[in-house]
Amino acid sequence: MNIWLVMLLGGLITFGMRFSFIYLFGRLQVPETMRKALHYVPPAVLSAIIFPELFLYNGKLDIALDNYRLLAGLIAVTVAWSSKNTLITIIAGMAALLLFQFFM
């Protein structure tokens, strides 16, 4: 029973935090400077998550040609740059990663 209570409370707290920001931003006038700054938050967070996975292996910098994660990431970046399509980029990156893992 405790696990269900923890899950319910966790969900309510998460919902409350997210809803409060949506509600506040709907009612308050956000300064243009803040709006421009918030525009860069998603790329910064994604970069902080993705770059260590591409460039670090066992806590060390790995930019060699046998780093299949880095090679798959470079293919994904190339596909993203040329296609401007998120779904195609994800599919190409994952397919490249699977092929490199299988053949390397």
PDB file of N, CA and C in Angstrom:
ATOM      1  N   MET A   1       0.821  -1.204   0.000  1.00  0.00           N
ATOM      2  CA  MET A   1       0.000   0.000   0.000  1.00  0.00           C
ATOM      3  C   MET A   1       0.861   1.262   0.000  1.00  0.00           C
ATOM      4  N   ASN A   2       1.998   1.208   0.677  1.00  0.00           N
ATOM      5  CA  ASN A   2       2.875   2.377   0.741  1.00  0.00           C
ATOM      6  C   ASN A   2       3.410   2.776  -0.626  1.00  0.00           C
ATOM      7  N   ILE A   3       3.723   1.790  -1.460  1.00  0.00           N
ATOM      8  CA  ILE A   3       4.260   2.102  -2.783  1.00  0.00           C
ATOM      9  C   ILE A   3       3.232   2.862  -3.617  1.00  0.00           C
ATOM     10  N   TRP A   4       1.959   2.486  -3.504  1.00  0.00           N
ATOM     11  CA  TRP A   4       0.916   3.189  -4.251  1.00  0.00           C
ATOM     12  C   TRP A   4       0.746   4.607  -3.738  1.00  0.00           C
ATOM     13  N   LEU A   5       0.869   4.806  -2.450  1.00  0.00           N
ATOM     14  CA  LEU A   5       0.768   6.140  -1.876  1.00  0.00           C
ATOM     15  C   LEU A   5       1.927   7.019  -2.334  1.00  0.00           C
ATOM     16  N   VAL A   6       3.126   6.454  -2.363  1.00  0.00           N
ATOM     17  CA  VAL A   6       4.299   7.195  -2.836  1.00  0.00           C
ATOM     18  C   VAL A   6       4.138   7.557  -4.310  1.00  0.00           C
ATOM     19  N   MET A   7       3.668   6.613  -5.112  1.00  0.00           N
ATOM     20  CA  MET A   7       3.476   6.889  -6.540  1.00  0.00           C
ATOM     21  C   MET A   7       2.404   7.956  -6.758  1.00  0.00           C
ATOM     22  N   LEU A   8       1.320   7.884  -6.019  1.00  0.00           N
ATOM     23  CA  LEU A   8       0.250   8.871  -6.143  1.00  0.00           C
ATOM     24  C   LEU A   8       0.728  10.251  -5.719  1.00  0.00           C
ATOM     25  N   LEU A   9       1.392  10.332  -4.588  1.00  0.00           N
ATOM     26  CA  LEU A   9       1.900  11.633  -4.119  1.00  0.00           C
ATOM     27  C   LEU A   9       2.963  12.190  -5.065  1.00  0.00           C
ATOM     28  N   GLY A  10       3.835  11.318  -5.553  1.00  0.00           N
ATOM     29  CA  GLY A  10       4.848  11.766  -6.518  1.00  0.00           C
ATOM     30  C   GLY A  10       4.215  12.309  -7.785  1.00  0.00           C
ATOM     31  N   GLY A  11       3.197  11.626  -8.271  1.00  0.00           N
ATOM     32  CA  GLY A  11       2.493  12.101  -9.463  1.00  0.00           C
ATOM     33  C   GLY A  11       1.782  13.415  -9.224  1.00  0.00           C
ATOM     34  N   LEU A  12       1.146  13.556  -8.074  1.00  0.00           N
ATOM     35  CA  LEU A  12       0.454  14.808  -7.756  1.00  0.00           C
ATOM     36  C   LEU A  12       1.440  15.975  -7.602  1.00  0.00           C
ATOM     37  N   ILE A  13       2.564  15.717  -6.972  1.00  0.00           N
ATOM     38  CA  ILE A  13       3.567  16.778  -6.821  1.00  0.00           C
ATOM     39  C   ILE A  13       4.128  17.180  -8.179  1.00  0.00           C
ATOM     40  N   THR A  14       4.435  16.207  -9.011  1.00  0.00           N
ATOM     41  CA  THR A  14       4.949  16.510 -10.356  1.00  0.00           C
ATOM     42  C   THR A  14       3.918  17.288 -11.164  1.00  0.00           C
ATOM     43  N   PHE A  15       2.674  16.827 -11.132  1.00  0.00           N
ATOM     44  CA  PHE A  15       1.613  17.527 -11.844  1.00  0.00           C
ATOM     45  C   PHE A  15       1.451  18.947 -11.315  1.00  0.00           C
ATOM     46  N   GLY A  16       1.474  19.106  -9.995  1.00  0.00           N
ATOM     47  CA  GLY A  16       1.320  20.434  -9.407  1.00  0.00           C
ATOM     48  C   GLY A  16       2.425  21.387  -9.813  1.00  0.00           C
ATOM     49  N   MET A  17       3.660  20.894  -9.837  1.00  0.00           N
ATOM     50  CA  MET A  17       4.769  21.763 -10.233  1.00  0.00           C
ATOM     51  C   MET A  17       4.641  22.183 -11.694  1.00  0.00           C
ATOM     52  N   ARG A  18       4.338  21.244 -12.553  1.00  0.00           N
ATOM     53  CA  ARG A  18       4.220  21.570 -13.982  1.00  0.00           C
ATOM     54  C   ARG A  18       3.014  22.466 -14.245  1.00  0.00           C
ATOM     55  N   PHE A  19       1.899  22.160 -13.613  1.00  0.00           N
ATOM     56  CA  PHE A  19       0.696  22.958 -13.822  1.00  0.00           C
ATOM     57  C   PHE A  19       0.882  24.382 -13.308  1.00  0.00           C
ATOM     58  N   SER A  20       1.608  24.537 -12.200  1.00  0.00           N
ATOM     59  CA  SER A  20       1.811  25.881 -11.652  1.00  0.00           C
ATOM     60  C   SER A  20       2.582  26.756 -12.634  1.00  0.00           C
ATOM     61  N   PHE A  21       3.579  26.189 -13.300  1.00  0.00           N
ATOM     62  CA  PHE A  21       4.317  26.985 -14.278  1.00  0.00           C
ATOM     63  C   PHE A  21       3.445  27.325 -15.480  1.00  0.00           C
ATOM     64  N   ILE A  22       2.664  26.383 -15.937  1.00  0.00           N
ATOM     65  CA  ILE A  22       1.763  26.656 -17.061  1.00  0.00           C
ATOM     66  C   ILE A  22       0.755  27.729 -16.672  1.00  0.00           C
ATOM     67  N   TYR A  23       0.207  27.607 -15.476  1.00  0.00           N
ATOM     68  CA  TYR A  23      -0.781  28.570 -15.000  1.00  0.00           C
ATOM     69  C   TYR A  23      -0.157  29.954 -14.829  1.00  0.00           C
ATOM     70  N   LEU A  24       1.028  30.013 -14.228  1.00  0.00           N
ATOM     71  CA  LEU A  24       1.679  31.311 -14.009  1.00  0.00           C
ATOM     72  C   LEU A  24       2.089  31.966 -15.316  1.00  0.00           C
ATOM     73  N   PHE A  25       2.657  31.184 -16.237  1.00  0.00           N
ATOM     74  CA  PHE A  25       3.071  31.773 -17.502  1.00  0.00           C
ATOM     75  C   PHE A  25       1.874  32.213 -18.335  1.00  0.00           C
ATOM     76  N   GLY A  26       0.721  31.617 -18.105  1.00  0.00           N
ATOM     77  CA  GLY A  26      -0.481  32.043 -18.807  1.00  0.00           C
ATOM     78  C   GLY A  26      -1.039  33.346 -18.259  1.00  0.00           C
ATOM     79  N   ARG A  27      -0.775  33.626 -16.991  1.00  0.00           N
ATOM     80  CA  ARG A  27      -1.333  34.815 -16.359  1.00  0.00           C
ATOM     81  C   ARG A  27      -0.342  35.971 -16.260  1.00  0.00           C
ATOM     82  N   LEU A  28       0.932  35.666 -16.209  1.00  0.00           N
ATOM     83  CA  LEU A  28       1.949  36.708 -16.062  1.00  0.00           C
ATOM     84  C   LEU A  28       2.553  37.072 -17.412  1.00  0.00           C
ATOM     85  N   GLN A  29       2.973  38.303 -17.514  1.00  0.00           N
ATOM     86  CA  GLN A  29       3.673  38.747 -18.717  1.00  0.00           C
ATOM     87  C   GLN A  29       5.159  38.453 -18.523  1.00  0.00           C
ATOM     88  N   VAL A  30       5.686  37.523 -19.297  1.00  0.00           N
ATOM     89  CA  VAL A  30       7.087  37.136 -19.187  1.00  0.00           C
ATOM     90  C   VAL A  30       7.921  38.136 -19.990  1.00  0.00           C
ATOM     91  N   PRO A  31       8.974  38.693 -19.375  1.00  0.00           N
ATOM     92  CA  PRO A  31       9.826  39.635 -20.113  1.00  0.00           C
ATOM     93  C   PRO A  31      10.461  38.969 -21.336  1.00  0.00           C
ATOM     94  N   GLU A  32      10.684  39.752 -22.353  1.00  0.00           N
ATOM     95  CA  GLU A  32      11.232  39.236 -23.604  1.00  0.00           C
ATOM     96  C   GLU A  32      12.615  38.606 -23.396  1.00  0.00           C
ATOM     97  N   THR A  33      13.401  39.175 -22.504  1.00  0.00           N
ATOM     98  CA  THR A  33      14.728  38.622 -22.224  1.00  0.00           C
ATOM     99  C   THR A  33      14.610  37.212 -21.647  1.00  0.00           C
ATOM    100  N   MET A  34      13.675  37.025 -20.733  1.00  0.00           N
ATOM    101  CA  MET A  34      13.457  35.701 -20.141  1.00  0.00           C
ATOM    102  C   MET A  34      12.940  34.727 -21.187  1.00  0.00           C
ATOM    103  N   ARG A  35      12.064  35.186 -22.042  1.00  0.00           N
ATOM    104  CA  ARG A  35      11.514  34.331 -23.100  1.00  0.00           C
ATOM    105  C   ARG A  35      12.632  33.866 -24.041  1.00  0.00           C
ATOM    106  N   LYS A  36      13.538  34.777 -24.392  1.00  0.00           N
ATOM    107  CA  LYS A  36      14.671  34.398 -25.249  1.00  0.00           C
ATOM    108  C   LYS A  36      15.599  33.426 -24.535  1.00  0.00           C
ATOM    109  N   ALA A  37      15.828  33.632 -23.238  1.00  0.00           N
ATOM    110  CA  ALA A  37      16.704  32.740 -22.479  1.00  0.00           C
ATOM    111  C   ALA A  37      16.097  31.350 -22.370  1.00  0.00           C
ATOM    112  N   LEU A  38      14.790  31.260 -22.143  1.00  0.00           N
ATOM    113  CA  LEU A  38      14.122  29.961 -22.018  1.00  0.00           C
ATOM    114  C   LEU A  38      14.126  29.186 -23.336  1.00  0.00           C
ATOM    115  N   HIS A  39      14.285  29.893 -24.436  1.00  0.00           N
ATOM    116  CA  HIS A  39      14.338  29.250 -25.749  1.00  0.00           C
ATOM    117  C   HIS A  39      15.558  28.328 -25.863  1.00  0.00           C
ATOM    118  N   TYR A  40      16.637  28.625 -25.131  1.00  0.00           N
ATOM    119  CA  TYR A  40      17.874  27.855 -25.225  1.00  0.00           C
ATOM    120  C   TYR A  40      17.983  26.753 -24.178  1.00  0.00           C
ATOM    121  N   VAL A  41      17.013  26.606 -23.315  1.00  0.00           N
ATOM    122  CA  VAL A  41      17.083  25.583 -22.260  1.00  0.00           C
ATOM    123  C   VAL A  41      17.025  24.162 -22.831  1.00  0.00           C
ATOM    124  N   PRO A  42      16.082  23.802 -23.708  1.00  0.00           N
ATOM    125  CA  PRO A  42      16.045  22.421 -24.209  1.00  0.00           C
ATOM    126  C   PRO A  42      17.329  21.979 -24.927  1.00  0.00           C
ATOM    127  N   PRO A  43      17.916  22.792 -25.824  1.00  0.00           N
ATOM    128  CA  PRO A  43      19.176  22.336 -26.437  1.00  0.00           C
ATOM    129  C   PRO A  43      20.309  22.187 -25.424  1.00  0.00           C
ATOM    130  N   ALA A  44      20.345  23.051 -24.424  1.00  0.00           N
ATOM    131  CA  ALA A  44      21.397  22.950 -23.413  1.00  0.00           C
ATOM    132  C   ALA A  44      21.252  21.678 -22.587  1.00  0.00           C
ATOM    133  N   VAL A  45      20.025  21.345 -22.209  1.00  0.00           N
ATOM    134  CA  VAL A  45      19.801  20.133 -21.417  1.00  0.00           C
ATOM    135  C   VAL A  45      20.100  18.890 -22.243  1.00  0.00           C
ATOM    136  N   LEU A  46      19.635  18.860 -23.480  1.00  0.00           N
ATOM    137  CA  LEU A  46      19.906  17.709 -24.336  1.00  0.00           C
ATOM    138  C   LEU A  46      21.403  17.544 -24.594  1.00  0.00           C
ATOM    139  N   SER A  47      22.112  18.646 -24.782  1.00  0.00           N
ATOM    140  CA  SER A  47      23.553  18.570 -24.978  1.00  0.00           C
ATOM    141  C   SER A  47      24.247  18.014 -23.744  1.00  0.00           C
ATOM    142  N   ALA A  48      23.809  18.429 -22.571  1.00  0.00           N
ATOM    143  CA  ALA A  48      24.413  17.942 -21.333  1.00  0.00           C
ATOM    144  C   ALA A  48      24.165  16.451 -21.133  1.00  0.00           C
ATOM    145  N   ILE A  49      23.083  15.939 -21.678  1.00  0.00           N
ATOM    146  CA  ILE A  49      22.787  14.513 -21.560  1.00  0.00           C
ATOM    147  C   ILE A  49      23.505  13.705 -22.637  1.00  0.00           C
ATOM    148  N   ILE A  50      23.523  14.206 -23.859  1.00  0.00           N
ATOM    149  CA  ILE A  50      24.018  13.431 -24.998  1.00  0.00           C
ATOM    150  C   ILE A  50      25.536  13.461 -25.133  1.00  0.00           C
ATOM    151  N   PHE A  51      26.175  14.611 -24.979  1.00  0.00           N
ATOM    152  CA  PHE A  51      27.615  14.715 -25.237  1.00  0.00           C
ATOM    153  C   PHE A  51      28.468  13.787 -24.380  1.00  0.00           C
ATOM    154  N   PRO A  52      28.208  13.631 -23.081  1.00  0.00           N
ATOM    155  CA  PRO A  52      29.021  12.661 -22.331  1.00  0.00           C
ATOM    156  C   PRO A  52      28.889  11.229 -22.857  1.00  0.00           C
ATOM    157  N   GLU A  53      27.707  10.871 -23.345  1.00  0.00           N
ATOM    158  CA  GLU A  53      27.524   9.526 -23.897  1.00  0.00           C
ATOM    159  C   GLU A  53      28.307   9.337 -25.193  1.00  0.00           C
ATOM    160  N   LEU A  54      28.474  10.404 -25.950  1.00  0.00           N
ATOM    161  CA  LEU A  54      29.195  10.297 -27.215  1.00  0.00           C
ATOM    162  C   LEU A  54      30.705  10.351 -27.031  1.00  0.00           C
ATOM    163  N   PHE A  55      31.181  11.204 -26.148  1.00  0.00           N
ATOM    164  CA  PHE A  55      32.612  11.486 -26.060  1.00  0.00           C
ATOM    165  C   PHE A  55      33.334  10.783 -24.918  1.00  0.00           C
ATOM    166  N   LEU A  56      32.641  10.266 -23.929  1.00  0.00           N
ATOM    167  CA  LEU A  56      33.291   9.630 -22.788  1.00  0.00           C
ATOM    168  C   LEU A  56      33.032   8.133 -22.787  1.00  0.00           C
ATOM    169  N   TYR A  57      34.073   7.377 -22.498  1.00  0.00           N
ATOM    170  CA  TYR A  57      33.946   5.931 -22.327  1.00  0.00           C
ATOM    171  C   TYR A  57      34.759   5.547 -21.100  1.00  0.00           C
ATOM    172  N   ASN A  58      34.117   4.956 -20.117  1.00  0.00           N
ATOM    173  CA  ASN A  58      34.746   4.628 -18.830  1.00  0.00           C
ATOM    174  C   ASN A  58      35.373   5.852 -18.178  1.00  0.00           C
ATOM    175  N   GLY A  59      34.724   6.986 -18.318  1.00  0.00           N
ATOM    176  CA  GLY A  59      35.196   8.208 -17.678  1.00  0.00           C
ATOM    177  C   GLY A  59      36.350   8.887 -18.378  1.00  0.00           C
ATOM    178  N   LYS A  60      36.728   8.414 -19.559  1.00  0.00           N
ATOM    179  CA  LYS A  60      37.853   9.005 -20.296  1.00  0.00           C
ATOM    180  C   LYS A  60      37.378   9.481 -21.659  1.00  0.00           C
ATOM    181  N   LEU A  61      38.009  10.532 -22.146  1.00  0.00           N
ATOM    182  CA  LEU A  61      37.676  11.071 -23.462  1.00  0.00           C
ATOM    183  C   LEU A  61      38.029  10.048 -24.533  1.00  0.00           C
ATOM    184  N   ASP A  62      37.088   9.757 -25.411  1.00  0.00           N
ATOM    185  CA  ASP A  62      37.286   8.761 -26.462  1.00  0.00           C
ATOM    186  C   ASP A  62      36.794   9.331 -27.786  1.00  0.00           C
ATOM    187  N   ILE A  63      37.726   9.836 -28.583  1.00  0.00           N
ATOM    188  CA  ILE A  63      37.350  10.383 -29.891  1.00  0.00           C
ATOM    189  C   ILE A  63      37.988   9.579 -31.026  1.00  0.00           C
ATOM    190  N   ALA A  64      38.268   8.313 -30.768  1.00  0.00           N
ATOM    191  CA  ALA A  64      38.870   7.440 -31.768  1.00  0.00           C
ATOM    192  C   ALA A  64      37.821   6.957 -32.759  1.00  0.00           C
ATOM    193  N   LEU A  65      38.298   6.400 -33.852  1.00  0.00           N
ATOM    194  CA  LEU A  65      37.391   5.904 -34.888  1.00  0.00           C
ATOM    195  C   LEU A  65      36.681   4.617 -34.484  1.00  0.00           C
ATOM    196  N   ASP A  66      37.107   3.966 -33.410  1.00  0.00           N
ATOM    197  CA  ASP A  66      36.397   2.766 -32.967  1.00  0.00           C
ATOM    198  C   ASP A  66      35.316   3.075 -31.937  1.00  0.00           C
ATOM    199  N   ASN A  67      35.055   4.339 -31.673  1.00  0.00           N
ATOM    200  CA  ASN A  67      33.970   4.759 -30.783  1.00  0.00           C
ATOM    201  C   ASN A  67      32.681   4.784 -31.602  1.00  0.00           C
ATOM    202  N   TYR A  68      31.933   3.681 -31.560  1.00  0.00           N
ATOM    203  CA  TYR A  68      30.746   3.558 -32.409  1.00  0.00           C
ATOM    204  C   TYR A  68      29.640   4.525 -32.007  1.00  0.00           C
ATOM    205  N   ARG A  69      29.588   4.920 -30.729  1.00  0.00           N
ATOM    206  CA  ARG A  69      28.570   5.896 -30.307  1.00  0.00           C
ATOM    207  C   ARG A  69      28.840   7.258 -30.945  1.00  0.00           C
ATOM    208  N   LEU A  70      30.112   7.646 -30.991  1.00  0.00           N
ATOM    209  CA  LEU A  70      30.462   8.920 -31.607  1.00  0.00           C
ATOM    210  C   LEU A  70      30.185   8.892 -33.107  1.00  0.00           C
ATOM    211  N   LEU A  71      30.515   7.790 -33.760  1.00  0.00           N
ATOM    212  CA  LEU A  71      30.259   7.682 -35.199  1.00  0.00           C
ATOM    213  C   LEU A  71      28.757   7.724 -35.501  1.00  0.00           C
ATOM    214  N   ALA A  72      27.958   7.033 -34.698  1.00  0.00           N
ATOM    215  CA  ALA A  72      26.504   7.066 -34.887  1.00  0.00           C
ATOM    216  C   ALA A  72      25.968   8.469 -34.613  1.00  0.00           C
ATOM    217  N   GLY A  73      26.529   9.150 -33.629  1.00  0.00           N
ATOM    218  CA  GLY A  73      26.129  10.532 -33.344  1.00  0.00           C
ATOM    219  C   GLY A  73      26.456  11.464 -34.491  1.00  0.00           C
ATOM    220  N   LEU A  74      27.618  11.273 -35.104  1.00  0.00           N
ATOM    221  CA  LEU A  74      27.979  12.107 -36.257  1.00  0.00           C
ATOM    222  C   LEU A  74      27.045  11.857 -37.439  1.00  0.00           C
ATOM    223  N   ILE A  75      26.658  10.610 -37.633  1.00  0.00           N
ATOM    224  CA  ILE A  75      25.684  10.309 -38.690  1.00  0.00           C
ATOM    225  C   ILE A  75      24.348  10.973 -38.376  1.00  0.00           C
ATOM    226  N   ALA A  76      23.919  10.917 -37.117  1.00  0.00           N
ATOM    227  CA  ALA A  76      22.654  11.543 -36.723  1.00  0.00           C
ATOM    228  C   ALA A  76      22.712  13.053 -36.919  1.00  0.00           C
ATOM    229  N   VAL A  77      23.836  13.666 -36.588  1.00  0.00           N
ATOM    230  CA  VAL A  77      23.981  15.116 -36.782  1.00  0.00           C
ATOM    231  C   VAL A  77      23.918  15.460 -38.263  1.00  0.00           C
ATOM    232  N   THR A  78      24.563  14.665 -39.082  1.00  0.00           N
ATOM    233  CA  THR A  78      24.529  14.902 -40.534  1.00  0.00           C
ATOM    234  C   THR A  78      23.114  14.767 -41.080  1.00  0.00           C
ATOM    235  N   VAL A  79      22.417  13.732 -40.651  1.00  0.00           N
ATOM    236  CA  VAL A  79      21.036  13.538 -41.102  1.00  0.00           C
ATOM    237  C   VAL A  79      20.144  14.683 -40.610  1.00  0.00           C
ATOM    238  N   ALA A  80      20.337  15.111 -39.371  1.00  0.00           N
ATOM    239  CA  ALA A  80      19.540  16.216 -38.832  1.00  0.00           C
ATOM    240  C   ALA A  80      19.793  17.492 -39.605  1.00  0.00           C
ATOM    241  N   TRP A  81      21.046  17.739 -39.931  1.00  0.00           N
ATOM    242  CA  TRP A  81      21.393  18.957 -40.657  1.00  0.00           C
ATOM    243  C   TRP A  81      20.805  18.949 -42.076  1.00  0.00           C
ATOM    244  N   SER A  82      20.815  17.783 -42.695  1.00  0.00           N
ATOM    245  CA  SER A  82      20.335  17.736 -44.082  1.00  0.00           C
ATOM    246  C   SER A  82      18.817  17.594 -44.177  1.00  0.00           C
ATOM    247  N   SER A  83      18.199  16.856 -43.244  1.00  0.00           N
ATOM    248  CA  SER A  83      16.764  16.601 -43.388  1.00  0.00           C
ATOM    249  C   SER A  83      15.885  17.540 -42.567  1.00  0.00           C
ATOM    250  N   LYS A  84      16.406  18.061 -41.453  1.00  0.00           N
ATOM    251  CA  LYS A  84      15.626  18.913 -40.537  1.00  0.00           C
ATOM    252  C   LYS A  84      14.382  18.188 -40.016  1.00  0.00           C
ATOM    253  N   ASN A  85      14.470  16.855 -39.909  1.00  0.00           N
ATOM    254  CA  ASN A  85      13.358  16.025 -39.468  1.00  0.00           C
ATOM    255  C   ASN A  85      13.798  15.220 -38.253  1.00  0.00           C
ATOM    256  N   THR A  86      13.136  15.405 -37.125  1.00  0.00           N
ATOM    257  CA  THR A  86      13.530  14.758 -35.883  1.00  0.00           C
ATOM    258  C   THR A  86      13.372  13.243 -35.950  1.00  0.00           C
ATOM    259  N   LEU A  87      12.265  12.773 -36.476  1.00  0.00           N
ATOM    260  CA  LEU A  87      12.016  11.331 -36.534  1.00  0.00           C
ATOM    261  C   LEU A  87      13.046  10.625 -37.412  1.00  0.00           C
ATOM    262  N   ILE A  88      13.341  11.191 -38.567  1.00  0.00           N
ATOM    263  CA  ILE A  88      14.341  10.588 -39.454  1.00  0.00           C
ATOM    264  C   ILE A  88      15.712  10.601 -38.793  1.00  0.00           C
ATOM    265  N   THR A  89      16.015  11.663 -38.054  1.00  0.00           N
ATOM    266  CA  THR A  89      17.295  11.752 -37.351  1.00  0.00           C
ATOM    267  C   THR A  89      17.413  10.657 -36.298  1.00  0.00           C
ATOM    268  N   ILE A  90      16.364  10.451 -35.525  1.00  0.00           N
ATOM    269  CA  ILE A  90      16.388   9.415 -34.489  1.00  0.00           C
ATOM    270  C   ILE A  90      16.526   8.036 -35.112  1.00  0.00           C
ATOM    271  N   ILE A  91      15.771   7.780 -36.162  1.00  0.00           N
ATOM    272  CA  ILE A  91      15.837   6.475 -36.828  1.00  0.00           C
ATOM    273  C   ILE A  91      17.228   6.243 -37.408  1.00  0.00           C
ATOM    274  N   ALA A  92      17.791   7.247 -38.070  1.00  0.00           N
ATOM    275  CA  ALA A  92      19.120   7.093 -38.671  1.00  0.00           C
ATOM    276  C   ALA A  92      20.185   6.891 -37.596  1.00  0.00           C
ATOM    277  N   GLY A  93      20.114   7.646 -36.518  1.00  0.00           N
ATOM    278  CA  GLY A  93      21.091   7.495 -35.445  1.00  0.00           C
ATOM    279  C   GLY A  93      21.011   6.134 -34.773  1.00  0.00           C
ATOM    280  N   MET A  94      19.799   5.675 -34.499  1.00  0.00           N
ATOM    281  CA  MET A  94      19.640   4.370 -33.861  1.00  0.00           C
ATOM    282  C   MET A  94      20.049   3.231 -34.803  1.00  0.00           C
ATOM    283  N   ALA A  95      19.710   3.364 -36.081  1.00  0.00           N
ATOM    284  CA  ALA A  95      20.108   2.330 -37.044  1.00  0.00           C
ATOM    285  C   ALA A  95      21.632   2.283 -37.168  1.00  0.00           C
ATOM    286  N   ALA A  96      22.261   3.443 -37.230  1.00  0.00           N
ATOM    287  CA  ALA A  96      23.723   3.485 -37.302  1.00  0.00           C
ATOM    288  C   ALA A  96      24.345   2.876 -36.052  1.00  0.00           C
ATOM    289  N   LEU A  97      23.798   3.192 -34.884  1.00  0.00           N
ATOM    290  CA  LEU A  97      24.316   2.634 -33.637  1.00  0.00           C
ATOM    291  C   LEU A  97      24.183   1.114 -33.623  1.00  0.00           C
ATOM    292  N   LEU A  98      23.043   0.605 -34.023  1.00  0.00           N
ATOM    293  CA  LEU A  98      22.849  -0.846 -34.058  1.00  0.00           C
ATOM    294  C   LEU A  98      23.796  -1.520 -35.047  1.00  0.00           C
ATOM    295  N   LEU A  99      23.956  -0.923 -36.229  1.00  0.00           N
ATOM    296  CA  LEU A  99      24.875  -1.501 -37.216  1.00  0.00           C
ATOM    297  C   LEU A  99      26.320  -1.468 -36.731  1.00  0.00           C
ATOM    298  N   PHE A 100      26.733  -0.359 -36.128  1.00  0.00           N
ATOM    299  CA  PHE A 100      28.101  -0.280 -35.622  1.00  0.00           C
ATOM    300  C   PHE A 100      28.326  -1.287 -34.500  1.00  0.00           C
ATOM    301  N   GLN A 101      27.342  -1.454 -33.607  1.00  0.00           N
ATOM    302  CA  GLN A 101      27.487  -2.428 -32.528  1.00  0.00           C
ATOM    303  C   GLN A 101      27.568  -3.847 -33.066  1.00  0.00           C
ATOM    304  N   PHE A 102      26.810  -4.105 -34.114  1.00  0.00           N
ATOM    305  CA  PHE A 102      26.784  -5.447 -34.678  1.00  0.00           C
ATOM    306  C   PHE A 102      28.074  -5.771 -35.432  1.00  0.00           C
ATOM    307  N   PHE A 103      28.598  -4.802 -36.174  1.00  0.00           N
ATOM    308  CA  PHE A 103      29.762  -5.058 -37.035  1.00  0.00           C
ATOM    309  C   PHE A 103      31.106  -4.717 -36.403  1.00  0.00           C
ATOM    310  N   MET A 104      31.107  -3.972 -35.301  1.00  0.00           N
ATOM    311  CA  MET A 104      32.397  -3.584 -34.693  1.00  0.00           C
ATOM    312  C   MET A 104      32.752  -4.471 -33.549  1.00  0.00           C
TER     313      MET A 104
END
